Amino acid sequence: MSEEKKTSEMINGVEYAIETIGENEEKVLSYLVNLLGKYKLRHRPLDVISDTNVPLRIEGMENTLVCPSLTVTLNGKTFPDWVIEVANDDNAEMTYLVKTGIYREAGVNEYWIIDVDQNIIIIYNFKKNGLVPDIYRTPQRIRVNTYKDLFISYSDVFRFKRG
């Protein structure tokens, strides 16, 4: 079993210590990093996929520094277009409530919350739907709005829970 990594985030000057990556979250992130890395090599070599939990300073928000699970920044841009947070029962409040507003206000276009405890994927397409998310609870192919030709399998995201 892997040791959980700790990090801290700052929201409006208040520091929050967070347990960010447990074994299940690591498996989901590993799958996504591998999938996105392959896609990037074939289709978008100049885009930037962050390492997991790299601090992200939110410009225009005083004393706010978050550590998203994963980000994708399109070529030529300085701020992520797509943010992925892997949630669990320990960080759900911050991920579902606080960070959704922060990412929307900061200009993120697409925000995914992958909840490993609830087996749910919530996707915000802020430009198109504002704060109305698409919610996925069953096996299906999920289209990535940032990359129109990329689909991610719900079943593959949660495959670590099988047998």
N, C-alpha and C. Protein backbone atom coordinates (compact mmCIF):
# COMPACT_ATOMS: atom_id res chain seq x y z
N MET A 1 0.85 -1.18 0.00
CA MET A 1 0.00 0.00 0.00
C MET A 1 0.89 1.23 0.00
N SER A 2 0.52 2.21 -0.77
CA SER A 2 1.34 3.42 -0.87
C SER A 2 1.05 4.36 0.28
N GLU A 3 2.05 5.13 0.63
CA GLU A 3 1.89 6.12 1.68
C GLU A 3 1.17 7.33 1.11
N GLU A 4 0.21 7.88 1.86
CA GLU A 4 -0.50 9.05 1.37
C GLU A 4 0.41 10.26 1.43
N LYS A 5 0.29 11.12 0.42
CA LYS A 5 1.08 12.34 0.35
C LYS A 5 0.26 13.49 0.89
N LYS A 6 0.90 14.36 1.62
CA LYS A 6 0.20 15.53 2.17
C LYS A 6 0.63 16.77 1.40
N THR A 7 -0.29 17.68 1.28
CA THR A 7 0.02 18.97 0.69
C THR A 7 -0.84 20.00 1.40
N SER A 8 -0.58 21.24 1.13
CA SER A 8 -1.45 22.27 1.68
C SER A 8 -1.83 23.22 0.57
N GLU A 9 -2.97 23.81 0.74
CA GLU A 9 -3.48 24.80 -0.20
C GLU A 9 -3.83 26.04 0.60
N MET A 10 -3.90 27.17 -0.09
CA MET A 10 -4.27 28.40 0.57
C MET A 10 -5.44 29.01 -0.19
N ILE A 11 -6.51 29.27 0.53
CA ILE A 11 -7.70 29.89 -0.05
C ILE A 11 -7.94 31.19 0.72
N ASN A 12 -7.83 32.31 0.02
CA ASN A 12 -8.03 33.63 0.64
C ASN A 12 -7.17 33.80 1.91
N GLY A 13 -5.93 33.33 1.85
CA GLY A 13 -5.02 33.50 2.97
C GLY A 13 -5.13 32.47 4.07
N VAL A 14 -6.09 31.56 3.98
CA VAL A 14 -6.24 30.51 4.99
C VAL A 14 -5.62 29.23 4.45
N GLU A 15 -4.71 28.65 5.21
CA GLU A 15 -4.02 27.44 4.78
C GLU A 15 -4.81 26.20 5.21
N TYR A 16 -4.94 25.26 4.26
CA TYR A 16 -5.64 24.00 4.50
C TYR A 16 -4.67 22.85 4.23
N ALA A 17 -4.45 22.01 5.22
CA ALA A 17 -3.67 20.80 5.02
C ALA A 17 -4.62 19.73 4.50
N ILE A 18 -4.20 19.06 3.43
CA ILE A 18 -5.10 18.12 2.77
C ILE A 18 -4.39 16.81 2.50
N GLU A 19 -5.07 15.71 2.76
CA GLU A 19 -4.61 14.39 2.34
C GLU A 19 -5.04 14.27 0.87
N THR A 20 -4.09 14.32 -0.05
CA THR A 20 -4.50 14.42 -1.45
C THR A 20 -4.47 13.12 -2.23
N ILE A 21 -3.50 12.26 -1.97
CA ILE A 21 -3.40 11.10 -2.84
C ILE A 21 -3.30 9.82 -2.02
N GLY A 22 -4.39 9.05 -2.03
CA GLY A 22 -4.38 7.71 -1.45
C GLY A 22 -4.15 6.70 -2.57
N GLU A 23 -4.19 5.45 -2.23
CA GLU A 23 -3.92 4.39 -3.21
C GLU A 23 -4.90 4.42 -4.38
N ASN A 24 -6.18 4.55 -4.11
CA ASN A 24 -7.18 4.57 -5.19
C ASN A 24 -7.04 5.81 -6.07
N GLU A 25 -6.79 6.95 -5.45
CA GLU A 25 -6.61 8.18 -6.21
C GLU A 25 -5.37 8.08 -7.10
N GLU A 26 -4.30 7.46 -6.57
CA GLU A 26 -3.09 7.25 -7.35
C GLU A 26 -3.36 6.43 -8.61
N LYS A 27 -4.17 5.40 -8.47
CA LYS A 27 -4.48 4.54 -9.61
C LYS A 27 -5.26 5.31 -10.68
N VAL A 28 -6.21 6.12 -10.27
CA VAL A 28 -6.97 6.93 -11.22
C VAL A 28 -6.05 7.93 -11.92
N LEU A 29 -5.23 8.62 -11.15
CA LEU A 29 -4.32 9.60 -11.74
C LEU A 29 -3.30 8.95 -12.67
N SER A 30 -2.81 7.80 -12.31
CA SER A 30 -1.87 7.08 -13.16
C SER A 30 -2.50 6.76 -14.51
N TYR A 31 -3.73 6.28 -14.47
CA TYR A 31 -4.46 5.99 -15.71
C TYR A 31 -4.60 7.25 -16.56
N LEU A 32 -5.02 8.35 -15.94
CA LEU A 32 -5.24 9.59 -16.69
C LEU A 32 -3.95 10.18 -17.24
N VAL A 33 -2.89 10.17 -16.44
CA VAL A 33 -1.61 10.69 -16.90
C VAL A 33 -1.12 9.89 -18.11
N ASN A 34 -1.25 8.58 -18.05
CA ASN A 34 -0.84 7.71 -19.15
C ASN A 34 -1.68 7.99 -20.40
N LEU A 35 -2.99 8.04 -20.25
CA LEU A 35 -3.89 8.29 -21.38
C LEU A 35 -3.63 9.66 -22.02
N LEU A 36 -3.54 10.69 -21.18
CA LEU A 36 -3.32 12.04 -21.70
C LEU A 36 -1.93 12.19 -22.31
N GLY A 37 -0.95 11.53 -21.74
CA GLY A 37 0.40 11.58 -22.31
C GLY A 37 0.44 10.99 -23.71
N LYS A 38 -0.23 9.87 -23.91
CA LYS A 38 -0.29 9.25 -25.24
C LYS A 38 -1.04 10.15 -26.23
N TYR A 39 -2.15 10.72 -25.78
CA TYR A 39 -2.93 11.61 -26.64
C TYR A 39 -2.10 12.82 -27.04
N LYS A 40 -1.43 13.41 -26.07
CA LYS A 40 -0.60 14.60 -26.32
C LYS A 40 0.48 14.30 -27.35
N LEU A 41 1.16 13.17 -27.22
CA LEU A 41 2.23 12.82 -28.16
C LEU A 41 1.72 12.72 -29.60
N ARG A 42 0.52 12.16 -29.76
CA ARG A 42 -0.03 11.96 -31.10
C ARG A 42 -0.71 13.19 -31.68
N HIS A 43 -1.34 13.99 -30.83
CA HIS A 43 -2.22 15.04 -31.35
C HIS A 43 -1.87 16.46 -30.93
N ARG A 44 -1.33 16.66 -29.74
CA ARG A 44 -1.14 18.00 -29.18
C ARG A 44 0.21 18.12 -28.50
N PRO A 45 1.31 17.96 -29.24
CA PRO A 45 2.63 17.89 -28.59
C PRO A 45 3.04 19.15 -27.84
N LEU A 46 2.45 20.29 -28.12
CA LEU A 46 2.86 21.52 -27.46
C LEU A 46 2.02 21.87 -26.23
N ASP A 47 0.97 21.11 -25.99
CA ASP A 47 0.18 21.33 -24.78
C ASP A 47 0.97 20.86 -23.57
N VAL A 48 0.58 21.34 -22.40
CA VAL A 48 1.29 20.99 -21.17
C VAL A 48 0.34 20.25 -20.23
N ILE A 49 0.76 19.07 -19.81
CA ILE A 49 0.04 18.29 -18.80
C ILE A 49 0.87 18.37 -17.53
N SER A 50 0.28 18.88 -16.48
CA SER A 50 1.03 19.07 -15.24
C SER A 50 1.35 17.74 -14.58
N ASP A 51 2.36 17.77 -13.73
CA ASP A 51 2.56 16.66 -12.82
C ASP A 51 1.42 16.72 -11.82
N THR A 52 1.18 15.65 -11.11
CA THR A 52 0.08 15.64 -10.16
C THR A 52 0.35 16.56 -8.98
N ASN A 53 -0.67 17.25 -8.56
CA ASN A 53 -0.67 18.12 -7.39
C ASN A 53 0.38 19.23 -7.41
N VAL A 54 0.62 19.80 -8.58
CA VAL A 54 1.52 20.94 -8.70
C VAL A 54 0.76 22.19 -8.27
N PRO A 55 1.34 23.00 -7.37
CA PRO A 55 0.65 24.21 -6.92
C PRO A 55 0.31 25.15 -8.09
N LEU A 56 -0.88 25.70 -8.03
CA LEU A 56 -1.37 26.60 -9.06
C LEU A 56 -1.81 27.90 -8.40
N ARG A 57 -1.10 28.98 -8.69
CA ARG A 57 -1.46 30.29 -8.14
C ARG A 57 -2.60 30.87 -8.98
N ILE A 58 -3.61 31.35 -8.30
CA ILE A 58 -4.77 31.91 -8.98
C ILE A 58 -4.62 33.42 -9.01
N GLU A 59 -4.30 33.94 -10.19
CA GLU A 59 -4.13 35.39 -10.33
C GLU A 59 -5.45 36.10 -10.09
N GLY A 60 -5.37 37.24 -9.46
CA GLY A 60 -6.56 38.02 -9.19
C GLY A 60 -7.29 37.59 -7.93
N MET A 61 -6.86 36.49 -7.33
CA MET A 61 -7.45 36.04 -6.06
C MET A 61 -6.36 36.11 -5.01
N GLU A 62 -6.49 37.09 -4.15
CA GLU A 62 -5.48 37.35 -3.14
C GLU A 62 -5.21 36.12 -2.29
N ASN A 63 -3.92 35.76 -2.19
CA ASN A 63 -3.50 34.67 -1.31
C ASN A 63 -4.22 33.35 -1.56
N THR A 64 -4.36 32.97 -2.83
CA THR A 64 -4.99 31.70 -3.16
C THR A 64 -4.04 30.86 -4.00
N LEU A 65 -3.74 29.68 -3.48
CA LEU A 65 -2.85 28.72 -4.13
C LEU A 65 -3.46 27.33 -3.94
N VAL A 66 -3.85 26.70 -5.03
CA VAL A 66 -4.48 25.38 -4.96
C VAL A 66 -3.55 24.34 -5.61
N CYS A 67 -3.80 23.10 -5.29
CA CYS A 67 -3.00 21.99 -5.85
C CYS A 67 -3.94 21.00 -6.54
N PRO A 68 -4.34 21.29 -7.78
CA PRO A 68 -5.23 20.37 -8.48
C PRO A 68 -4.55 19.04 -8.73
N SER A 69 -5.34 18.00 -8.85
CA SER A 69 -4.78 16.68 -9.12
C SER A 69 -4.03 16.65 -10.43
N LEU A 70 -4.58 17.32 -11.45
CA LEU A 70 -3.99 17.31 -12.79
C LEU A 70 -4.53 18.51 -13.56
N THR A 71 -3.68 19.11 -14.41
CA THR A 71 -4.15 20.20 -15.27
C THR A 71 -3.63 20.00 -16.69
N VAL A 72 -4.38 20.56 -17.64
CA VAL A 72 -3.98 20.59 -19.04
C VAL A 72 -4.04 22.04 -19.50
N THR A 73 -2.91 22.53 -20.03
CA THR A 73 -2.83 23.88 -20.55
C THR A 73 -2.57 23.80 -22.04
N LEU A 74 -3.45 24.39 -22.82
CA LEU A 74 -3.31 24.34 -24.27
C LEU A 74 -2.14 25.20 -24.73
N ASN A 75 -1.56 24.84 -25.85
CA ASN A 75 -0.40 25.52 -26.42
C ASN A 75 -0.59 27.04 -26.46
N GLY A 76 0.40 27.74 -25.92
CA GLY A 76 0.39 29.19 -25.99
C GLY A 76 -0.33 29.88 -24.85
N LYS A 77 -1.01 29.14 -24.01
CA LYS A 77 -1.72 29.74 -22.89
C LYS A 77 -0.89 29.65 -21.63
N THR A 78 -1.21 30.50 -20.68
CA THR A 78 -0.44 30.52 -19.44
C THR A 78 -1.22 29.95 -18.26
N PHE A 79 -2.50 29.64 -18.46
CA PHE A 79 -3.33 29.12 -17.37
C PHE A 79 -4.08 27.88 -17.88
N PRO A 80 -4.29 26.89 -17.03
CA PRO A 80 -4.93 25.65 -17.48
C PRO A 80 -6.34 25.86 -18.05
N ASP A 81 -6.63 25.10 -19.10
CA ASP A 81 -7.96 25.07 -19.70
C ASP A 81 -8.81 23.99 -19.05
N TRP A 82 -8.15 22.93 -18.61
CA TRP A 82 -8.85 21.76 -18.06
C TRP A 82 -8.19 21.39 -16.74
N VAL A 83 -8.99 21.30 -15.69
CA VAL A 83 -8.51 20.90 -14.38
C VAL A 83 -9.26 19.64 -13.96
N ILE A 84 -8.52 18.68 -13.43
CA ILE A 84 -9.09 17.44 -12.92
C ILE A 84 -8.75 17.34 -11.44
N GLU A 85 -9.76 17.12 -10.64
CA GLU A 85 -9.56 16.87 -9.21
C GLU A 85 -10.07 15.46 -8.91
N VAL A 86 -9.26 14.68 -8.23
CA VAL A 86 -9.70 13.36 -7.79
C VAL A 86 -10.13 13.52 -6.34
N ALA A 87 -11.41 13.30 -6.11
CA ALA A 87 -12.00 13.54 -4.79
C ALA A 87 -12.20 12.22 -4.05
N ASN A 88 -12.28 12.36 -2.74
CA ASN A 88 -12.66 11.25 -1.88
C ASN A 88 -13.42 11.85 -0.70
N ASP A 89 -13.82 11.02 0.23
CA ASP A 89 -14.61 11.54 1.35
C ASP A 89 -13.85 12.56 2.19
N ASP A 90 -12.52 12.47 2.20
CA ASP A 90 -11.72 13.40 3.01
C ASP A 90 -11.62 14.80 2.43
N ASN A 91 -11.68 14.94 1.10
CA ASN A 91 -11.51 16.27 0.49
C ASN A 91 -12.74 16.72 -0.31
N ALA A 92 -13.86 16.05 -0.13
CA ALA A 92 -15.05 16.32 -0.94
C ALA A 92 -15.54 17.76 -0.82
N GLU A 93 -15.62 18.28 0.39
CA GLU A 93 -16.16 19.64 0.57
C GLU A 93 -15.32 20.66 -0.20
N MET A 94 -14.01 20.57 -0.07
CA MET A 94 -13.13 21.51 -0.76
C MET A 94 -13.25 21.33 -2.28
N THR A 95 -13.27 20.09 -2.73
CA THR A 95 -13.30 19.80 -4.17
C THR A 95 -14.62 20.19 -4.80
N TYR A 96 -15.73 19.80 -4.19
CA TYR A 96 -17.05 20.04 -4.76
C TYR A 96 -17.51 21.49 -4.62
N LEU A 97 -17.26 22.08 -3.49
CA LEU A 97 -17.84 23.40 -3.22
C LEU A 97 -16.86 24.55 -3.45
N VAL A 98 -15.74 24.51 -2.80
CA VAL A 98 -14.82 25.66 -2.83
C VAL A 98 -14.12 25.77 -4.18
N LYS A 99 -13.52 24.68 -4.63
CA LYS A 99 -12.70 24.76 -5.84
C LYS A 99 -13.52 24.98 -7.11
N THR A 100 -14.74 24.52 -7.14
CA THR A 100 -15.57 24.75 -8.33
C THR A 100 -15.69 26.24 -8.61
N GLY A 101 -15.99 27.02 -7.59
CA GLY A 101 -16.10 28.46 -7.76
C GLY A 101 -14.78 29.12 -8.09
N ILE A 102 -13.71 28.65 -7.47
CA ILE A 102 -12.38 29.22 -7.73
C ILE A 102 -12.00 28.99 -9.19
N TYR A 103 -12.15 27.76 -9.67
CA TYR A 103 -11.73 27.46 -11.05
C TYR A 103 -12.60 28.20 -12.06
N ARG A 104 -13.87 28.30 -11.80
CA ARG A 104 -14.75 29.03 -12.73
C ARG A 104 -14.33 30.50 -12.80
N GLU A 105 -14.15 31.10 -11.64
CA GLU A 105 -13.78 32.52 -11.59
C GLU A 105 -12.40 32.77 -12.20
N ALA A 106 -11.50 31.79 -12.08
CA ALA A 106 -10.14 31.94 -12.60
C ALA A 106 -10.04 31.76 -14.11
N GLY A 107 -11.10 31.25 -14.75
CA GLY A 107 -11.09 31.12 -16.20
C GLY A 107 -10.84 29.72 -16.74
N VAL A 108 -10.89 28.71 -15.88
CA VAL A 108 -10.79 27.33 -16.35
C VAL A 108 -12.03 27.04 -17.19
N ASN A 109 -11.84 26.39 -18.33
CA ASN A 109 -12.99 26.07 -19.20
C ASN A 109 -13.69 24.79 -18.79
N GLU A 110 -12.90 23.78 -18.42
CA GLU A 110 -13.47 22.46 -18.12
C GLU A 110 -12.91 21.98 -16.79
N TYR A 111 -13.80 21.51 -15.92
CA TYR A 111 -13.41 21.05 -14.58
C TYR A 111 -14.05 19.70 -14.33
N TRP A 112 -13.22 18.70 -14.11
CA TRP A 112 -13.69 17.35 -13.81
C TRP A 112 -13.45 17.04 -12.34
N ILE A 113 -14.46 16.47 -11.70
CA ILE A 113 -14.32 15.92 -10.36
C ILE A 113 -14.55 14.42 -10.50
N ILE A 114 -13.54 13.66 -10.17
CA ILE A 114 -13.65 12.20 -10.21
C ILE A 114 -13.64 11.74 -8.76
N ASP A 115 -14.78 11.26 -8.29
CA ASP A 115 -14.93 10.86 -6.89
C ASP A 115 -14.76 9.35 -6.77
N VAL A 116 -13.63 8.93 -6.21
CA VAL A 116 -13.31 7.51 -6.15
C VAL A 116 -14.14 6.76 -5.11
N ASP A 117 -14.66 7.46 -4.12
CA ASP A 117 -15.49 6.80 -3.11
C ASP A 117 -16.93 6.64 -3.58
N GLN A 118 -17.40 7.56 -4.39
CA GLN A 118 -18.80 7.52 -4.86
C GLN A 118 -18.95 6.96 -6.27
N ASN A 119 -17.83 6.66 -6.96
CA ASN A 119 -17.86 6.17 -8.35
C ASN A 119 -18.65 7.12 -9.25
N ILE A 120 -18.28 8.38 -9.21
CA ILE A 120 -19.00 9.39 -9.97
C ILE A 120 -18.00 10.34 -10.64
N ILE A 121 -18.33 10.78 -11.84
CA ILE A 121 -17.54 11.79 -12.54
C ILE A 121 -18.48 12.96 -12.82
N ILE A 122 -18.08 14.12 -12.34
CA ILE A 122 -18.85 15.34 -12.54
C ILE A 122 -18.03 16.26 -13.42
N ILE A 123 -18.64 16.76 -14.50
CA ILE A 123 -17.92 17.59 -15.44
C ILE A 123 -18.62 18.93 -15.60
N TYR A 124 -17.86 19.98 -15.35
CA TYR A 124 -18.34 21.34 -15.58
C TYR A 124 -17.71 21.84 -16.87
N ASN A 125 -18.54 22.29 -17.80
CA ASN A 125 -18.08 23.00 -18.99
C ASN A 125 -18.54 24.44 -18.76
N PHE A 126 -17.70 25.22 -18.08
CA PHE A 126 -18.11 26.54 -17.61
C PHE A 126 -18.54 27.46 -18.74
N LYS A 127 -17.88 27.41 -19.89
CA LYS A 127 -18.24 28.28 -21.01
C LYS A 127 -19.64 27.97 -21.53
N LYS A 128 -19.95 26.71 -21.65
CA LYS A 128 -21.22 26.29 -22.25
C LYS A 128 -22.37 26.21 -21.25
N ASN A 129 -22.10 25.65 -20.06
CA ASN A 129 -23.18 25.36 -19.11
C ASN A 129 -23.08 26.07 -17.78
N GLY A 130 -22.08 26.93 -17.60
CA GLY A 130 -21.93 27.60 -16.31
C GLY A 130 -21.73 26.60 -15.19
N LEU A 131 -22.52 26.71 -14.16
CA LEU A 131 -22.39 25.83 -13.00
C LEU A 131 -23.32 24.63 -13.04
N VAL A 132 -23.82 24.30 -14.22
CA VAL A 132 -24.67 23.11 -14.37
C VAL A 132 -23.78 21.98 -14.91
N PRO A 133 -23.51 20.97 -14.07
CA PRO A 133 -22.58 19.93 -14.50
C PRO A 133 -23.27 18.78 -15.24
N ASP A 134 -22.46 18.03 -15.97
CA ASP A 134 -22.87 16.72 -16.48
C ASP A 134 -22.39 15.72 -15.45
N ILE A 135 -23.24 14.77 -15.10
CA ILE A 135 -22.92 13.80 -14.05
C ILE A 135 -22.95 12.40 -14.65
N TYR A 136 -21.88 11.65 -14.40
CA TYR A 136 -21.76 10.29 -14.94
C TYR A 136 -21.63 9.31 -13.78
N ARG A 137 -22.55 8.32 -13.77
CA ARG A 137 -22.56 7.31 -12.70
C ARG A 137 -22.53 5.89 -13.23
N THR A 138 -22.55 5.76 -14.55
CA THR A 138 -22.60 4.43 -15.16
C THR A 138 -21.57 4.32 -16.28
N PRO A 139 -21.18 3.10 -16.62
CA PRO A 139 -20.20 2.91 -17.69
C PRO A 139 -20.65 3.52 -19.01
N GLN A 140 -19.78 4.33 -19.60
CA GLN A 140 -20.01 4.97 -20.89
C GLN A 140 -18.74 5.70 -21.31
N ARG A 141 -18.70 6.09 -22.56
CA ARG A 141 -17.59 6.91 -23.05
C ARG A 141 -17.93 8.36 -22.77
N ILE A 142 -16.97 9.08 -22.23
CA ILE A 142 -17.19 10.47 -21.85
C ILE A 142 -16.31 11.35 -22.73
N ARG A 143 -16.94 12.28 -23.41
CA ARG A 143 -16.22 13.18 -24.31
C ARG A 143 -15.55 14.30 -23.52
N VAL A 144 -14.30 14.53 -23.83
CA VAL A 144 -13.54 15.63 -23.23
C VAL A 144 -13.82 16.88 -24.05
N ASN A 145 -14.33 17.91 -23.43
CA ASN A 145 -14.66 19.15 -24.15
C ASN A 145 -13.42 19.87 -24.65
N THR A 146 -12.33 19.79 -23.91
CA THR A 146 -11.09 20.47 -24.29
C THR A 146 -10.53 19.88 -25.58
N TYR A 147 -10.64 18.57 -25.73
CA TYR A 147 -10.16 17.86 -26.92
C TYR A 147 -11.36 17.14 -27.53
N LYS A 148 -11.90 17.69 -28.57
CA LYS A 148 -13.16 17.17 -29.15
C LYS A 148 -13.09 15.73 -29.62
N ASP A 149 -11.88 15.23 -29.91
CA ASP A 149 -11.76 13.86 -30.40
C ASP A 149 -11.25 12.88 -29.34
N LEU A 150 -11.24 13.30 -28.07
CA LEU A 150 -10.79 12.43 -26.99
C LEU A 150 -11.98 12.00 -26.14
N PHE A 151 -12.09 10.71 -25.96
CA PHE A 151 -13.13 10.14 -25.10
C PHE A 151 -12.44 9.34 -24.01
N ILE A 152 -13.00 9.40 -22.81
CA ILE A 152 -12.46 8.66 -21.68
C ILE A 152 -13.53 7.70 -21.19
N SER A 153 -13.15 6.47 -20.98
CA SER A 153 -14.08 5.43 -20.53
C SER A 153 -14.29 5.50 -19.02
N TYR A 154 -15.54 5.64 -18.63
CA TYR A 154 -15.90 5.61 -17.21
C TYR A 154 -15.39 4.32 -16.58
N SER A 155 -15.59 3.22 -17.25
CA SER A 155 -15.17 1.91 -16.72
C SER A 155 -13.66 1.85 -16.50
N ASP A 156 -12.89 2.43 -17.41
CA ASP A 156 -11.44 2.41 -17.26
C ASP A 156 -10.99 3.30 -16.10
N VAL A 157 -11.67 4.41 -15.88
CA VAL A 157 -11.31 5.29 -14.77
C VAL A 157 -11.45 4.55 -13.44
N PHE A 158 -12.51 3.76 -13.31
CA PHE A 158 -12.79 3.06 -12.05
C PHE A 158 -12.41 1.58 -12.09
N ARG A 159 -11.58 1.18 -13.03
CA ARG A 159 -11.23 -0.23 -13.17
C ARG A 159 -10.49 -0.80 -11.96
N PHE A 160 -9.85 0.05 -11.18
CA PHE A 160 -9.13 -0.43 -10.00
C PHE A 160 -10.07 -1.04 -8.97
N LYS A 161 -11.37 -0.78 -9.08
CA LYS A 161 -12.33 -1.32 -8.11
C LYS A 161 -12.83 -2.70 -8.50
N ARG A 162 -12.51 -3.14 -9.71
CA ARG A 162 -12.94 -4.47 -10.14
C ARG A 162 -12.09 -5.54 -9.48
N GLY A 163 -12.77 -6.63 -9.12
CA GLY A 163 -12.19 -7.87 -8.63
C GLY A 163 -10.91 -7.74 -7.97
